[in-house]
Amino acid sequence: MTVKRFKCDLSPEAPTSLKIDDTNRFDCCHVHDRIPYDAECFLKDVSKELNMLYRRHSRMIEKRKRLMELALPVRRWCRFVPRCPCRFEKSIEMVPADPPIHTRTEQLALPLIRRLQVRRADALVKGDKITEVILNRWLRNSYLSLYSRLSNTQPMKKPPKPKKQSKKQKARHAKYIETLAKPKQIPKPAKPERNVGEMDKKRLKKLARPKKRIEDIKQPWEFTKALKTYKPTARILAIAKPLIRENFHINEEPEKVSRNALKYKASPRVKEMAQPLKVFDRNAGAAETADDPFTISPNALKYKATSRIKELAEPKEFENTHIRENPFAISPAALKAKASPRLIELAKPKGG
């Protein structure tokens, strides 16, 4: 597959998207970038890492013919190639590092006084002495410049001392601060616009609340005077009579047995179900139910108690607080106690 190439395209024939270095172009003179003397010691390590990157790059890319064909751009544009200086007709002017500076250039290069004043005020607030000295020197040079003299810029003056506020002014200022300190009142949210067919949210919330049901408390029954003189109607007397229904569950001839019941033979399953259940007596011990009550099961002999069971098996320590160890001992607080006048009065025997 042949690809049309532009004159300015300096890429190699292979479609690897790699470009030739600008220092090794065949259409111009060779330019060799000199490596500094201090960086020659790093050249070996840099070349080693670069070779490793090239190898890794070659391993990562799948070199398939179809992929390489698809990787080529549809529209090929010419990339920017810097021109070599040897092709220009006019020679390049070499500007010295320290060119001669004229007086007007020096005057115009001085910074503006208002900017220096702002920066000096900031340095005074921060307490930066070094910046303050530098800005003072620049201010001195800027004040004495030609353009500053023509604009008649004056040096900074000390700000006047603020006057002391009177009691009325202080009270007014305090009142103003109180008004500012009050929290802002949050405005009420506007009512949302309802479209046709939409339900009101407030109405839905109101309907969603559970109903408050009032319980009917029955009052205790009382035999009133109206009950004494009450005469029931014929309808109430008819309703009060009990209903007499025929009992279909009672057999009129209980001694008579059907023929099918006389010929019936019980199946083994019915006989099994007819046997009474074996009721286990929980109160009876294991020794009574076992064949040999004095034998111990092998699992019980092999059992090893856990640390938790050993901890639970230890008896609790109870302290008998009802009996004193030394009944004749007197507490130090009782020895230091002083009887109040009321106690002395109560301690006297009656009739004394």
Foldseek 3Di string as FASTA:
>chain_A
DDDDDDPLQQADPQLPPDHDDLQDDPVDDHDDDDDDPVCPVCPVVVVVVVVVVVVVVVVVDDPDPVVSVVPDDPDDDRDDRDDDQVPDPDHDDDDDPDDDDDLVNVLVPQDDLVVLVVVLVVCVVVVPPVSNVVSVVSNVVNCPGPVNVVVVDDDDDDDDDDDDDDPVVVVVVVVVVVVVPDDDDDDDDDQDDDDPPDDDPVVVVVVPDDDDDDDDDDDDDDDDPCNVVDDDDPVVVVVPDDDDDDDPVDDPDVVDDDPCVVVDDDDPVVVVVPDDDDDDDPVDDPLVVDPHSPDDDPCVVPDDDDPVVVVVPDDDDDDDPVDDPDVPDDDPCVVPDDDDPVRVVVPDDPPD
